[in-house]
C-alpha atoms as a PDB file:
ATOM      1  CA  MET A   1      38.538  76.165  24.538  1.00  0.00           C
ATOM      2  CA  ASP A   2      35.743  73.904  23.373  1.00  0.00           C
ATOM      3  CA  ALA A   3      34.653  75.124  19.868  1.00  0.00           C
ATOM      4  CA  VAL A   4      32.337  73.818  17.197  1.00  0.00           C
ATOM      5  CA  HIS A   5      31.846  74.972  13.594  1.00  0.00           C
ATOM      6  CA  LEU A   6      28.364  75.339  12.180  1.00  0.00           C
ATOM      7  CA  ASP A   7      27.660  76.061   8.526  1.00  0.00           C
ATOM      8  CA  SER A   8      25.891  79.346   8.505  1.00  0.00           C
ATOM      9  CA  ARG A   9      24.082  78.295   5.353  1.00  0.00           C
ATOM     10  CA  ARG A  10      22.090  76.011   7.482  1.00  0.00           C
ATOM     11  CA  LEU A  11      21.218  78.658   9.961  1.00  0.00           C
ATOM     12  CA  ILE A  12      21.018  82.082   8.301  1.00  0.00           C
ATOM     13  CA  VAL A  13      17.915  82.276   5.999  1.00  0.00           C
ATOM     14  CA  THR A  14      17.829  85.028   3.383  1.00  0.00           C
ATOM     15  CA  ASP A  15      15.905  86.315   0.514  1.00  0.00           C
ATOM     16  CA  ARG A  16      17.242  85.491  -2.985  1.00  0.00           C
ATOM     17  CA  ARG A  17      19.351  88.615  -3.684  1.00  0.00           C
ATOM     18  CA  HIS A  18      22.771  87.132  -4.002  1.00  0.00           C
ATOM     19  CA  THR A  19      25.535  89.455  -2.914  1.00  0.00           C
ATOM     20  CA  GLN A  20      22.821  91.689  -1.326  1.00  0.00           C
ATOM     21  CA  ALA A  21      20.719  89.213   0.503  1.00  0.00           C
ATOM     22  CA  ALA A  22      18.654  90.464   3.511  1.00  0.00           C
ATOM     23  CA  PRO A  23      18.057  88.009   6.356  1.00  0.00           C
ATOM     24  CA  ILE A  24      14.662  86.527   7.102  1.00  0.00           C
ATOM     25  CA  TYR A  25      14.906  87.177  10.874  1.00  0.00           C
ATOM     26  CA  ALA A  26      12.089  85.029  12.211  1.00  0.00           C
ATOM     27  CA  GLU A  27      13.277  81.826  10.575  1.00  0.00           C
ATOM     28  CA  THR A  28      16.980  82.610  11.177  1.00  0.00           C
ATOM     29  CA  TYR A  29      16.483  83.288  14.868  1.00  0.00           C
ATOM     30  CA  ALA A  30      14.404  80.043  15.167  1.00  0.00           C
ATOM     31  CA  ARG A  31      17.267  78.007  13.658  1.00  0.00           C
ATOM     32  CA  LEU A  32      19.851  79.834  15.662  1.00  0.00           C
ATOM     33  CA  GLY A  33      17.852  79.088  18.869  1.00  0.00           C
ATOM     34  CA  ALA A  34      17.437  75.444  17.980  1.00  0.00           C
ATOM     35  CA  GLU A  35      21.112  74.827  16.969  1.00  0.00           C
ATOM     36  CA  VAL A  36      23.233  77.340  18.779  1.00  0.00           C
ATOM     37  CA  GLU A  37      21.665  77.793  22.106  1.00  0.00           C
ATOM     38  CA  PRO A  38      22.077  74.218  23.366  1.00  0.00           C
ATOM     39  CA  LEU A  39      25.785  74.398  22.346  1.00  0.00           C
ATOM     40  CA  ALA A  40      26.277  77.753  24.115  1.00  0.00           C
ATOM     41  CA  ARG A  41      24.615  76.481  27.188  1.00  0.00           C
ATOM     42  CA  ALA A  42      27.061  73.483  27.183  1.00  0.00           C
ATOM     43  CA  GLY A  43      29.912  75.863  27.143  1.00  0.00           C
ATOM     44  CA  GLN A  44      30.891  75.565  23.519  1.00  0.00           C
ATOM     45  CA  VAL A  45      31.992  78.440  21.481  1.00  0.00           C
ATOM     46  CA  VAL A  46      30.213  78.402  18.104  1.00  0.00           C
ATOM     47  CA  VAL A  47      32.133  79.525  15.027  1.00  0.00           C
ATOM     48  CA  MET A  48      30.428  80.299  11.778  1.00  0.00           C
ATOM     49  CA  GLY A  49      31.681  81.740   8.492  1.00  0.00           C
ATOM     50  CA  GLY A  50      30.510  85.302   7.747  1.00  0.00           C
ATOM     51  CA  PHE A  51      28.442  86.729   5.011  1.00  0.00           C
ATOM     52  CA  LEU A  52      26.900  83.390   3.999  1.00  0.00           C
ATOM     53  CA  GLY A  53      23.324  82.281   4.193  1.00  0.00           C
ATOM     54  CA  SER A  54      20.800  80.402   2.106  1.00  0.00           C
ATOM     55  CA  THR A  55      17.286  80.789   0.868  1.00  0.00           C
ATOM     56  CA  GLU A  56      14.516  78.795   2.445  1.00  0.00           C
ATOM     57  CA  ASP A  57      15.103  76.133  -0.209  1.00  0.00           C
ATOM     58  CA  GLY A  58      18.806  75.923   0.399  1.00  0.00           C
ATOM     59  CA  VAL A  59      20.276  78.086  -2.346  1.00  0.00           C
ATOM     60  CA  THR A  60      23.542  79.636  -1.084  1.00  0.00           C
ATOM     61  CA  THR A  61      23.391  83.486  -0.801  1.00  0.00           C
ATOM     62  CA  THR A  62      25.727  86.163   0.411  1.00  0.00           C
ATOM     63  CA  TRP A  63      25.315  89.727   1.703  1.00  0.00           C
ATOM     64  CA  GLY A  64      27.961  92.212   0.893  1.00  0.00           C
ATOM     65  CA  ALA A  65      30.743  93.079   3.378  1.00  0.00           C
ATOM     66  CA  ALA A  66      29.422  96.655   3.259  1.00  0.00           C
ATOM     67  CA  ALA A  67      25.984  95.572   4.559  1.00  0.00           C
ATOM     68  CA  PRO A  68      25.108  97.514   7.688  1.00  0.00           C
ATOM     69  CA  THR A  69      25.548  95.631  10.942  1.00  0.00           C
ATOM     70  CA  SER A  70      21.812  96.134  11.656  1.00  0.00           C
ATOM     71  CA  ARG A  71      21.100  93.922   8.707  1.00  0.00           C
ATOM     72  CA  ARG A  72      23.375  91.066   9.882  1.00  0.00           C
ATOM     73  CA  PRO A  73      21.789  88.362  11.988  1.00  0.00           C
ATOM     74  CA  SER A  74      23.253  87.999  15.461  1.00  0.00           C
ATOM     75  CA  TRP A  75      22.980  85.210  17.924  1.00  0.00           C
ATOM     76  CA  ALA A  76      23.320  87.807  20.738  1.00  0.00           C
ATOM     77  CA  ARG A  77      20.433  89.731  19.217  1.00  0.00           C
ATOM     78  CA  ALA A  78      18.437  86.595  18.738  1.00  0.00           C
ATOM     79  CA  SER A  79      18.850  85.378  22.230  1.00  0.00           C
ATOM     80  CA  GLY A  80      18.341  88.767  23.822  1.00  0.00           C
ATOM     81  CA  ARG A  81      21.869  88.900  25.210  1.00  0.00           C
END
């Protein structure tokens, strides 16, 4: 299996509420499309750590493990798959 690790802090953009951050979907999906889609199309499996993101200016944030799935960004959702 051809896998690649991507740092989710570079791809998941959130607001500033550390431990309860909410994704900023438009920017997150744009980044996921630019970084993940080419890798997926090339047959690579993309692995990212969970519950981590960053603000637009790069400050690391987390959303709680209890956050509803509907609040979590998803490559499948972003790509319409």
